[in-house]
């Protein structure tokens, strides 16, 4: 699929997320202290939108049931039950454009 433009760096301020849709797949892009990362937007527990959750450091916390995922790797950090990790994607910046590589 290649590189997809997620938006401008100004669209994703430090400590914020942005949800994009690519061919029906929803991806969350986060700005963690000036470093951009991207993961699947759907929680593997409930299917809820992670971009509607809370970003704490490099973790995204699902707003429905509190599952915590590492935004850089997609790995499950904390949840009472074992659930699947989410996919992570490479992010690059060119000029002021944020690209997600699919």
PDB file of N, CA and C in Angstrom:
ATOM      1  N   UNK A   1       0.827  -1.196   0.000  1.00  0.00           N
ATOM      2  CA  UNK A   1       0.000   0.000   0.000  1.00  0.00           C
ATOM      3  C   UNK A   1       0.870   1.258   0.000  1.00  0.00           C
ATOM      4  N   UNK A   2       2.016   1.245   0.685  1.00  0.00           N
ATOM      5  CA  UNK A   2       2.918   2.378   0.670  1.00  0.00           C
ATOM      6  C   UNK A   2       2.636   3.399   1.753  1.00  0.00           C
ATOM      7  N   UNK A   3       3.066   4.624   1.489  1.00  0.00           N
ATOM      8  CA  UNK A   3       2.915   5.717   2.448  1.00  0.00           C
ATOM      9  C   UNK A   3       1.581   6.426   2.259  1.00  0.00           C
ATOM     10  N   UNK A   4       0.940   6.703   3.384  1.00  0.00           N
ATOM     11  CA  UNK A   4      -0.329   7.419   3.390  1.00  0.00           C
ATOM     12  C   UNK A   4      -0.133   8.707   4.179  1.00  0.00           C
ATOM     13  N   UNK A   5      -0.595   9.832   3.656  1.00  0.00           N
ATOM     14  CA  UNK A   5      -0.506  11.098   4.387  1.00  0.00           C
ATOM     15  C   UNK A   5      -1.567  11.095   5.480  1.00  0.00           C
ATOM     16  N   UNK A   6      -1.112  11.203   6.727  1.00  0.00           N
ATOM     17  CA  UNK A   6      -2.045  11.248   7.862  1.00  0.00           C
ATOM     18  C   UNK A   6      -2.494  12.676   8.122  1.00  0.00           C
ATOM     19  N   UNK A   7      -1.647  13.623   7.807  1.00  0.00           N
ATOM     20  CA  UNK A   7      -1.953  15.029   8.034  1.00  0.00           C
ATOM     21  C   UNK A   7      -0.679  15.824   8.200  1.00  0.00           C
ATOM     22  N   UNK A   8      -0.823  17.025   8.656  1.00  0.00           N
ATOM     23  CA  UNK A   8       0.308  17.914   8.924  1.00  0.00           C
ATOM     24  C   UNK A   8       0.737  17.739  10.378  1.00  0.00           C
ATOM     25  N   UNK A   9       1.976  18.066  10.676  1.00  0.00           N
ATOM     26  CA  UNK A   9       2.445  17.977  12.057  1.00  0.00           C
ATOM     27  C   UNK A   9       1.608  18.876  12.962  1.00  0.00           C
ATOM     28  N   UNK A  10       1.109  19.981  12.430  1.00  0.00           N
ATOM     29  CA  UNK A  10       0.281  20.893  13.231  1.00  0.00           C
ATOM     30  C   UNK A  10      -1.103  20.307  13.536  1.00  0.00           C
ATOM     31  N   UNK A  11      -1.511  19.268  12.796  1.00  0.00           N
ATOM     32  CA  UNK A  11      -2.795  18.606  13.044  1.00  0.00           C
ATOM     33  C   UNK A  11      -2.749  17.703  14.279  1.00  0.00           C
ATOM     34  N   UNK A  12      -1.516  17.358  14.714  1.00  0.00           N
ATOM     35  CA  UNK A  12      -1.350  16.419  15.824  1.00  0.00           C
ATOM     36  C   UNK A  12      -0.382  17.037  16.840  1.00  0.00           C
ATOM     37  N   UNK A  13      -0.883  17.913  17.711  1.00  0.00           N
ATOM     38  CA  UNK A  13      -0.010  18.534  18.716  1.00  0.00           C
ATOM     39  C   UNK A  13       0.525  17.505  19.721  1.00  0.00           C
ATOM     40  N   UNK A  14       1.562  17.856  20.428  1.00  0.00           N
ATOM     41  CA  UNK A  14       2.141  16.989  21.459  1.00  0.00           C
ATOM     42  C   UNK A  14       1.057  16.562  22.448  1.00  0.00           C
ATOM     43  N   UNK A  15       1.017  15.258  22.722  1.00  0.00           N
ATOM     44  CA  UNK A  15       0.054  14.716  23.674  1.00  0.00           C
ATOM     45  C   UNK A  15      -1.328  14.459  23.100  1.00  0.00           C
ATOM     46  N   UNK A  16      -1.470  14.572  21.783  1.00  0.00           N
ATOM     47  CA  UNK A  16      -2.773  14.379  21.137  1.00  0.00           C
ATOM     48  C   UNK A  16      -2.706  13.242  20.125  1.00  0.00           C
ATOM     49  N   UNK A  17      -3.887  12.790  19.708  1.00  0.00           N
ATOM     50  CA  UNK A  17      -4.008  11.731  18.708  1.00  0.00           C
ATOM     51  C   UNK A  17      -4.880  12.192  17.552  1.00  0.00           C
ATOM     52  N   UNK A  18      -4.778  11.470  16.457  1.00  0.00           N
ATOM     53  CA  UNK A  18      -5.601  11.729  15.280  1.00  0.00           C
ATOM     54  C   UNK A  18      -5.992  10.383  14.692  1.00  0.00           C
ATOM     55  N   UNK A  19      -7.274  10.216  14.394  1.00  0.00           N
ATOM     56  CA  UNK A  19      -7.743   8.979  13.762  1.00  0.00           C
ATOM     57  C   UNK A  19      -7.844   9.208  12.266  1.00  0.00           C
ATOM     58  N   UNK A  20      -7.269   8.277  11.509  1.00  0.00           N
ATOM     59  CA  UNK A  20      -7.394   8.326  10.049  1.00  0.00           C
ATOM     60  C   UNK A  20      -7.984   7.003   9.582  1.00  0.00           C
ATOM     61  N   UNK A  21      -8.572   7.017   8.410  1.00  0.00           N
ATOM     62  CA  UNK A  21      -9.140   5.812   7.823  1.00  0.00           C
ATOM     63  C   UNK A  21      -8.450   5.554   6.496  1.00  0.00           C
ATOM     64  N   UNK A  22      -7.928   4.348   6.340  1.00  0.00           N
ATOM     65  CA  UNK A  22      -7.229   3.960   5.118  1.00  0.00           C
ATOM     66  C   UNK A  22      -7.873   2.683   4.591  1.00  0.00           C
ATOM     67  N   UNK A  23      -8.548   2.790   3.464  1.00  0.00           N
ATOM     68  CA  UNK A  23      -9.228   1.636   2.866  1.00  0.00           C
ATOM     69  C   UNK A  23     -10.077   0.879   3.887  1.00  0.00           C
ATOM     70  N   UNK A  24     -10.837   1.605   4.695  1.00  0.00           N
ATOM     71  CA  UNK A  24     -11.723   1.010   5.675  1.00  0.00           C
ATOM     72  C   UNK A  24     -11.058   0.604   6.979  1.00  0.00           C
ATOM     73  N   UNK A  25      -9.750   0.751   7.082  1.00  0.00           N
ATOM     74  CA  UNK A  25      -9.011   0.413   8.301  1.00  0.00           C
ATOM     75  C   UNK A  25      -8.744   1.702   9.075  1.00  0.00           C
ATOM     76  N   UNK A  26      -9.067   1.697  10.373  1.00  0.00           N
ATOM     77  CA  UNK A  26      -8.862   2.899  11.179  1.00  0.00           C
ATOM     78  C   UNK A  26      -7.549   2.807  11.934  1.00  0.00           C
ATOM     79  N   UNK A  27      -6.764   3.875  11.824  1.00  0.00           N
ATOM     80  CA  UNK A  27      -5.431   3.970  12.415  1.00  0.00           C
ATOM     81  C   UNK A  27      -5.399   5.191  13.325  1.00  0.00           C
ATOM     82  N   UNK A  28      -4.743   5.055  14.469  1.00  0.00           N
ATOM     83  CA  UNK A  28      -4.554   6.181  15.383  1.00  0.00           C
ATOM     84  C   UNK A  28      -3.091   6.630  15.284  1.00  0.00           C
ATOM     85  N   UNK A  29      -2.904   7.928  15.031  1.00  0.00           N
ATOM     86  CA  UNK A  29      -1.570   8.514  15.014  1.00  0.00           C
ATOM     87  C   UNK A  29      -1.446   9.368  16.268  1.00  0.00           C
ATOM     88  N   UNK A  30      -0.339   9.201  16.998  1.00  0.00           N
ATOM     89  CA  UNK A  30      -0.138   9.934  18.249  1.00  0.00           C
ATOM     90  C   UNK A  30       1.164  10.722  18.187  1.00  0.00           C
ATOM     91  N   UNK A  31       1.180  11.860  18.866  1.00  0.00           N
ATOM     92  CA  UNK A  31       2.393  12.666  19.008  1.00  0.00           C
ATOM     93  C   UNK A  31       2.820  12.567  20.466  1.00  0.00           C
ATOM     94  N   UNK A  32       3.902  11.845  20.699  1.00  0.00           N
ATOM     95  CA  UNK A  32       4.418  11.650  22.051  1.00  0.00           C
ATOM     96  C   UNK A  32       5.726  12.434  22.165  1.00  0.00           C
ATOM     97  N   UNK A  33       5.633  13.593  22.802  1.00  0.00           N
ATOM     98  CA  UNK A  33       6.806  14.461  22.989  1.00  0.00           C
ATOM     99  C   UNK A  33       7.543  14.730  21.685  1.00  0.00           C
ATOM    100  N   UNK A  34       6.794  14.955  20.612  1.00  0.00           N
ATOM    101  CA  UNK A  34       7.387  15.276  19.318  1.00  0.00           C
ATOM    102  C   UNK A  34       7.729  14.071  18.467  1.00  0.00           C
ATOM    103  N   UNK A  35       7.533  12.867  18.992  1.00  0.00           N
ATOM    104  CA  UNK A  35       7.764  11.647  18.223  1.00  0.00           C
ATOM    105  C   UNK A  35       6.406  11.080  17.821  1.00  0.00           C
ATOM    106  N   UNK A  36       6.228  10.859  16.530  1.00  0.00           N
ATOM    107  CA  UNK A  36       4.946  10.369  16.018  1.00  0.00           C
ATOM    108  C   UNK A  36       4.974   8.849  15.907  1.00  0.00           C
ATOM    109  N   UNK A  37       3.852   8.219  16.247  1.00  0.00           N
ATOM    110  CA  UNK A  37       3.714   6.777  16.112  1.00  0.00           C
ATOM    111  C   UNK A  37       2.288   6.477  15.669  1.00  0.00           C
ATOM    112  N   UNK A  38       2.082   5.269  15.158  1.00  0.00           N
ATOM    113  CA  UNK A  38       0.761   4.891  14.653  1.00  0.00           C
ATOM    114  C   UNK A  38       0.467   3.438  15.000  1.00  0.00           C
ATOM    115  N   UNK A  39      -0.769   3.194  15.416  1.00  0.00           N
ATOM    116  CA  UNK A  39      -1.243   1.845  15.759  1.00  0.00           C
ATOM    117  C   UNK A  39      -2.688   1.702  15.287  1.00  0.00           C
ATOM    118  N   UNK A  40      -3.178   0.459  15.287  1.00  0.00           N
ATOM    119  CA  UNK A  40      -4.595   0.247  14.997  1.00  0.00           C
ATOM    120  C   UNK A  40      -5.429   1.052  15.987  1.00  0.00           C
ATOM    121  N   UNK A  41      -6.558   1.575  15.542  1.00  0.00           N
ATOM    122  CA  UNK A  41      -7.408   2.391  16.404  1.00  0.00           C
ATOM    123  C   UNK A  41      -8.405   1.563  17.209  1.00  0.00           C
ATOM    124  N   UNK A  42      -8.577   0.293  16.893  1.00  0.00           N
ATOM    125  CA  UNK A  42      -9.593  -0.528  17.565  1.00  0.00           C
ATOM    126  C   UNK A  42      -8.993  -1.359  18.683  1.00  0.00           C
ATOM    127  N   UNK A  43      -9.572  -1.245  19.870  1.00  0.00           N
ATOM    128  CA  UNK A  43      -9.170  -2.053  21.017  1.00  0.00           C
ATOM    129  C   UNK A  43      -9.510  -3.514  20.729  1.00  0.00           C
ATOM    130  N   UNK A  44      -8.587  -4.416  21.013  1.00  0.00           N
ATOM    131  CA  UNK A  44      -8.835  -5.838  20.739  1.00  0.00           C
ATOM    132  C   UNK A  44      -9.743  -6.485  21.777  1.00  0.00           C
ATOM    133  N   UNK A  45     -10.081  -5.764  22.824  1.00  0.00           N
ATOM    134  CA  UNK A  45     -11.028  -6.285  23.823  1.00  0.00           C
ATOM    135  C   UNK A  45     -12.461  -5.985  23.411  1.00  0.00           C
ATOM    136  N   UNK A  46     -12.722  -4.706  23.114  1.00  0.00           N
ATOM    137  CA  UNK A  46     -14.106  -4.296  22.897  1.00  0.00           C
ATOM    138  C   UNK A  46     -14.379  -3.723  21.512  1.00  0.00           C
ATOM    139  N   UNK A  47     -13.322  -3.448  20.753  1.00  0.00           N
ATOM    140  CA  UNK A  47     -13.509  -2.841  19.435  1.00  0.00           C
ATOM    141  C   UNK A  47     -13.708  -1.344  19.488  1.00  0.00           C
ATOM    142  N   UNK A  48     -13.585  -0.759  20.672  1.00  0.00           N
ATOM    143  CA  UNK A  48     -13.792   0.687  20.797  1.00  0.00           C
ATOM    144  C   UNK A  48     -12.628   1.454  20.172  1.00  0.00           C
ATOM    145  N   UNK A  49     -12.868   2.708  19.867  1.00  0.00           N
ATOM    146  CA  UNK A  49     -11.869   3.567  19.245  1.00  0.00           C
ATOM    147  C   UNK A  49     -10.847   4.020  20.285  1.00  0.00           C
ATOM    148  N   UNK A  50      -9.594   3.628  20.101  1.00  0.00           N
ATOM    149  CA  UNK A  50      -8.549   4.009  21.043  1.00  0.00           C
ATOM    150  C   UNK A  50      -8.242   5.505  20.997  1.00  0.00           C
ATOM    151  N   UNK A  51      -8.453   6.122  19.846  1.00  0.00           N
ATOM    152  CA  UNK A  51      -8.191   7.568  19.745  1.00  0.00           C
ATOM    153  C   UNK A  51      -9.155   8.368  20.618  1.00  0.00           C
ATOM    154  N   UNK A  52     -10.238   7.744  21.068  1.00  0.00           N
ATOM    155  CA  UNK A  52     -11.169   8.406  21.979  1.00  0.00           C
ATOM    156  C   UNK A  52     -10.787   8.152  23.438  1.00  0.00           C
ATOM    157  N   UNK A  53      -9.718   7.378  23.647  1.00  0.00           N
ATOM    158  CA  UNK A  53      -9.229   7.082  24.992  1.00  0.00           C
ATOM    159  C   UNK A  53      -8.284   8.170  25.476  1.00  0.00           C
ATOM    160  N   UNK A  54      -7.446   7.808  26.437  1.00  0.00           N
ATOM    161  CA  UNK A  54      -6.550   8.771  27.069  1.00  0.00           C
ATOM    162  C   UNK A  54      -5.101   8.411  26.768  1.00  0.00           C
ATOM    163  N   UNK A  55      -4.341   9.387  26.280  1.00  0.00           N
ATOM    164  CA  UNK A  55      -2.922   9.203  26.015  1.00  0.00           C
ATOM    165  C   UNK A  55      -2.154   9.589  27.270  1.00  0.00           C
ATOM    166  N   UNK A  56      -1.391   8.637  27.804  1.00  0.00           N
ATOM    167  CA  UNK A  56      -0.558   8.881  28.987  1.00  0.00           C
ATOM    168  C   UNK A  56       0.852   8.436  28.665  1.00  0.00           C
ATOM    169  N   UNK A  57       1.744   9.397  28.491  1.00  0.00           N
ATOM    170  CA  UNK A  57       3.109   9.053  28.097  1.00  0.00           C
ATOM    171  C   UNK A  57       3.077   8.368  26.750  1.00  0.00           C
ATOM    172  N   UNK A  58       3.659   7.170  26.674  1.00  0.00           N
ATOM    173  CA  UNK A  58       3.649   6.431  25.408  1.00  0.00           C
ATOM    174  C   UNK A  58       2.574   5.344  25.372  1.00  0.00           C
ATOM    175  N   UNK A  59       1.581   5.443  26.277  1.00  0.00           N
ATOM    176  CA  UNK A  59       0.487   4.473  26.326  1.00  0.00           C
ATOM    177  C   UNK A  59      -0.835   5.130  25.940  1.00  0.00           C
ATOM    178  N   UNK A  60      -1.676   4.343  25.263  1.00  0.00           N
ATOM    179  CA  UNK A  60      -3.050   4.762  25.012  1.00  0.00           C
ATOM    180  C   UNK A  60      -3.937   3.860  25.868  1.00  0.00           C
ATOM    181  N   UNK A  61      -4.850   4.489  26.596  1.00  0.00           N
ATOM    182  CA  UNK A  61      -5.740   3.756  27.494  1.00  0.00           C
ATOM    183  C   UNK A  61      -7.151   3.790  26.911  1.00  0.00           C
ATOM    184  N   UNK A  62      -7.692   2.615  26.652  1.00  0.00           N
ATOM    185  CA  UNK A  62      -9.031   2.500  26.084  1.00  0.00           C
ATOM    186  C   UNK A  62     -10.048   3.137  27.026  1.00  0.00           C
ATOM    187  N   UNK A  63     -10.906   3.968  26.473  1.00  0.00           N
ATOM    188  CA  UNK A  63     -11.905   4.670  27.263  1.00  0.00           C
ATOM    189  C   UNK A  63     -13.048   3.796  27.759  1.00  0.00           C
ATOM    190  N   UNK A  64     -13.206   2.597  27.200  1.00  0.00           N
ATOM    191  CA  UNK A  64     -14.316   1.744  27.604  1.00  0.00           C
ATOM    192  C   UNK A  64     -13.983   0.891  28.832  1.00  0.00           C
ATOM    193  N   UNK A  65     -12.880   0.131  28.766  1.00  0.00           N
ATOM    194  CA  UNK A  65     -12.586  -0.811  29.850  1.00  0.00           C
ATOM    195  C   UNK A  65     -11.155  -0.709  30.376  1.00  0.00           C
ATOM    196  N   UNK A  66     -10.409   0.286  29.931  1.00  0.00           N
ATOM    197  CA  UNK A  66      -9.095   0.560  30.504  1.00  0.00           C
ATOM    198  C   UNK A  66      -7.924  -0.260  29.997  1.00  0.00           C
ATOM    199  N   UNK A  67      -8.071  -0.981  28.903  1.00  0.00           N
ATOM    200  CA  UNK A  67      -6.921  -1.706  28.350  1.00  0.00           C
ATOM    201  C   UNK A  67      -5.850  -0.682  27.950  1.00  0.00           C
ATOM    202  N   UNK A  68      -4.582  -1.000  28.255  1.00  0.00           N
ATOM    203  CA  UNK A  68      -3.480  -0.089  27.954  1.00  0.00           C
ATOM    204  C   UNK A  68      -2.556  -0.722  26.923  1.00  0.00           C
ATOM    205  N   UNK A  69      -2.254   0.043  25.878  1.00  0.00           N
ATOM    206  CA  UNK A  69      -1.367  -0.419  24.810  1.00  0.00           C
ATOM    207  C   UNK A  69      -0.216   0.555  24.640  1.00  0.00           C
ATOM    208  N   UNK A  70       0.951   0.036  24.296  1.00  0.00           N
ATOM    209  CA  UNK A  70       2.109   0.862  23.983  1.00  0.00           C
ATOM    210  C   UNK A  70       1.906   1.431  22.576  1.00  0.00           C
ATOM    211  N   UNK A  71       1.926   2.744  22.446  1.00  0.00           N
ATOM    212  CA  UNK A  71       1.674   3.393  21.148  1.00  0.00           C
ATOM    213  C   UNK A  71       2.802   3.163  20.146  1.00  0.00           C
ATOM    214  N   UNK A  72       3.990   2.867  20.637  1.00  0.00           N
ATOM    215  CA  UNK A  72       5.126   2.684  19.736  1.00  0.00           C
ATOM    216  C   UNK A  72       5.207   1.267  19.180  1.00  0.00           C
ATOM    217  N   UNK A  73       4.774   0.283  19.982  1.00  0.00           N
ATOM    218  CA  UNK A  73       4.915  -1.117  19.565  1.00  0.00           C
ATOM    219  C   UNK A  73       3.587  -1.827  19.337  1.00  0.00           C
ATOM    220  N   UNK A  74       2.503  -1.296  19.899  1.00  0.00           N
ATOM    221  CA  UNK A  74       1.204  -1.952  19.816  1.00  0.00           C
ATOM    222  C   UNK A  74       1.015  -3.050  20.855  1.00  0.00           C
ATOM    223  N   UNK A  75       2.017  -3.286  21.690  1.00  0.00           N
ATOM    224  CA  UNK A  75       1.953  -4.348  22.698  1.00  0.00           C
ATOM    225  C   UNK A  75       0.980  -3.987  23.819  1.00  0.00           C
ATOM    226  N   UNK A  76       0.258  -4.984  24.300  1.00  0.00           N
ATOM    227  CA  UNK A  76      -0.611  -4.814  25.459  1.00  0.00           C
ATOM    228  C   UNK A  76       0.275  -4.560  26.671  1.00  0.00           C
ATOM    229  N   UNK A  77      -0.012  -3.494  27.409  1.00  0.00           N
ATOM    230  CA  UNK A  77       0.754  -3.146  28.599  1.00  0.00           C
ATOM    231  C   UNK A  77       0.050  -3.629  29.853  1.00  0.00           C
ATOM    232  N   UNK A  78      -1.277  -3.404  29.904  1.00  0.00           N
ATOM    233  CA  UNK A  78      -1.999  -3.747  31.127  1.00  0.00           C
ATOM    234  C   UNK A  78      -3.480  -3.983  30.822  1.00  0.00           C
ATOM    235  N   UNK A  79      -3.982  -5.100  31.335  1.00  0.00           N
ATOM    236  CA  UNK A  79      -5.400  -5.422  31.274  1.00  0.00           C
ATOM    237  C   UNK A  79      -5.603  -6.686  32.095  1.00  0.00           C
ATOM    238  N   UNK A  80      -6.716  -6.842  32.787  1.00  0.00           N
ATOM    239  CA  UNK A  80      -6.903  -8.020  33.642  1.00  0.00           C
ATOM    240  C   UNK A  80      -6.941  -9.346  32.878  1.00  0.00           C
ATOM    241  N   UNK A  81      -7.309  -9.318  31.610  1.00  0.00           N
ATOM    242  CA  UNK A  81      -7.382 -10.542  30.808  1.00  0.00           C
ATOM    243  C   UNK A  81      -6.360 -10.452  29.678  1.00  0.00           C
ATOM    244  N   UNK A  82      -5.964 -11.591  29.141  1.00  0.00           N
ATOM    245  CA  UNK A  82      -5.051 -11.623  28.011  1.00  0.00           C
ATOM    246  C   UNK A  82      -5.834 -11.322  26.739  1.00  0.00           C
ATOM    247  N   UNK A  83      -5.456 -10.242  26.051  1.00  0.00           N
ATOM    248  CA  UNK A  83      -6.056  -9.895  24.759  1.00  0.00           C
ATOM    249  C   UNK A  83      -4.928  -9.666  23.768  1.00  0.00           C
ATOM    250  N   UNK A  84      -5.267  -9.657  22.507  1.00  0.00           N
ATOM    251  CA  UNK A  84      -4.258  -9.495  21.448  1.00  0.00           C
ATOM    252  C   UNK A  84      -3.656  -8.092  21.445  1.00  0.00           C
ATOM    253  N   UNK A  85      -2.395  -8.032  21.038  1.00  0.00           N
ATOM    254  CA  UNK A  85      -1.745  -6.752  20.788  1.00  0.00           C
ATOM    255  C   UNK A  85      -2.421  -6.109  19.580  1.00  0.00           C
ATOM    256  N   UNK A  86      -2.142  -4.834  19.362  1.00  0.00           N
ATOM    257  CA  UNK A  86      -2.610  -4.156  18.160  1.00  0.00           C
ATOM    258  C   UNK A  86      -1.411  -3.962  17.234  1.00  0.00           C
ATOM    259  N   UNK A  87      -1.662  -3.772  15.963  1.00  0.00           N
ATOM    260  CA  UNK A  87      -0.572  -3.573  15.005  1.00  0.00           C
ATOM    261  C   UNK A  87      -0.027  -2.163  15.113  1.00  0.00           C
ATOM    262  N   UNK A  88       1.281  -2.039  14.912  1.00  0.00           N
ATOM    263  CA  UNK A  88       1.907  -0.721  14.862  1.00  0.00           C
ATOM    264  C   UNK A  88       2.429  -0.491  13.449  1.00  0.00           C
ATOM    265  N   UNK A  89       2.605   0.767  13.100  1.00  0.00           N
ATOM    266  CA  UNK A  89       3.016   1.141  11.753  1.00  0.00           C
ATOM    267  C   UNK A  89       4.148   2.153  11.820  1.00  0.00           C
ATOM    268  N   UNK A  90       5.015   2.099  10.837  1.00  0.00           N
ATOM    269  CA  UNK A  90       6.122   3.044  10.763  1.00  0.00           C
ATOM    270  C   UNK A  90       5.577   4.413  10.360  1.00  0.00           C
ATOM    271  N   UNK A  91       6.101   5.455  11.007  1.00  0.00           N
ATOM    272  CA  UNK A  91       5.696   6.830  10.713  1.00  0.00           C
ATOM    273  C   UNK A  91       6.932   7.608  10.298  1.00  0.00           C
ATOM    274  N   UNK A  92       6.781   8.445   9.278  1.00  0.00           N
ATOM    275  CA  UNK A  92       7.873   9.316   8.857  1.00  0.00           C
ATOM    276  C   UNK A  92       7.344  10.730   8.652  1.00  0.00           C
ATOM    277  N   UNK A  93       8.239  11.687   8.783  1.00  0.00           N
ATOM    278  CA  UNK A  93       7.898  13.094   8.600  1.00  0.00           C
ATOM    279  C   UNK A  93       8.694  13.610   7.415  1.00  0.00           C
ATOM    280  N   UNK A  94       8.016  14.221   6.481  1.00  0.00           N
ATOM    281  CA  UNK A  94       8.666  14.862   5.332  1.00  0.00           C
ATOM    282  C   UNK A  94       8.090  16.261   5.223  1.00  0.00           C
ATOM    283  N   UNK A  95       8.978  17.250   5.328  1.00  0.00           N
ATOM    284  CA  UNK A  95       8.560  18.647   5.459  1.00  0.00           C
ATOM    285  C   UNK A  95       7.679  18.712   6.700  1.00  0.00           C
ATOM    286  N   UNK A  96       6.429  19.105   6.568  1.00  0.00           N
ATOM    287  CA  UNK A  96       5.545  19.106   7.734  1.00  0.00           C
ATOM    288  C   UNK A  96       4.412  18.096   7.573  1.00  0.00           C
ATOM    289  N   UNK A  97       4.630  17.114   6.699  1.00  0.00           N
ATOM    290  CA  UNK A  97       3.641  16.059   6.482  1.00  0.00           C
ATOM    291  C   UNK A  97       3.967  14.817   7.295  1.00  0.00           C
ATOM    292  N   UNK A  98       2.946  14.226   7.919  1.00  0.00           N
ATOM    293  CA  UNK A  98       3.083  12.987   8.681  1.00  0.00           C
ATOM    294  C   UNK A  98       2.601  11.851   7.790  1.00  0.00           C
ATOM    295  N   UNK A  99       3.492  10.877   7.525  1.00  0.00           N
ATOM    296  CA  UNK A  99       3.155   9.727   6.700  1.00  0.00           C
ATOM    297  C   UNK A  99       3.109   8.465   7.541  1.00  0.00           C
ATOM    298  N   UNK A 100       2.136   7.613   7.269  1.00  0.00           N
ATOM    299  CA  UNK A 100       2.048   6.293   7.883  1.00  0.00           C
ATOM    300  C   UNK A 100       2.324   5.284   6.782  1.00  0.00           C
ATOM    301  N   UNK A 101       3.245   4.357   7.054  1.00  0.00           N
ATOM    302  CA  UNK A 101       3.578   3.332   6.068  1.00  0.00           C
ATOM    303  C   UNK A 101       2.793   2.065   6.376  1.00  0.00           C
ATOM    304  N   UNK A 102       2.008   1.646   5.399  1.00  0.00           N
ATOM    305  CA  UNK A 102       1.130   0.487   5.568  1.00  0.00           C
ATOM    306  C   UNK A 102       1.766  -0.731   4.901  1.00  0.00           C
TER     307      UNK A 102
END
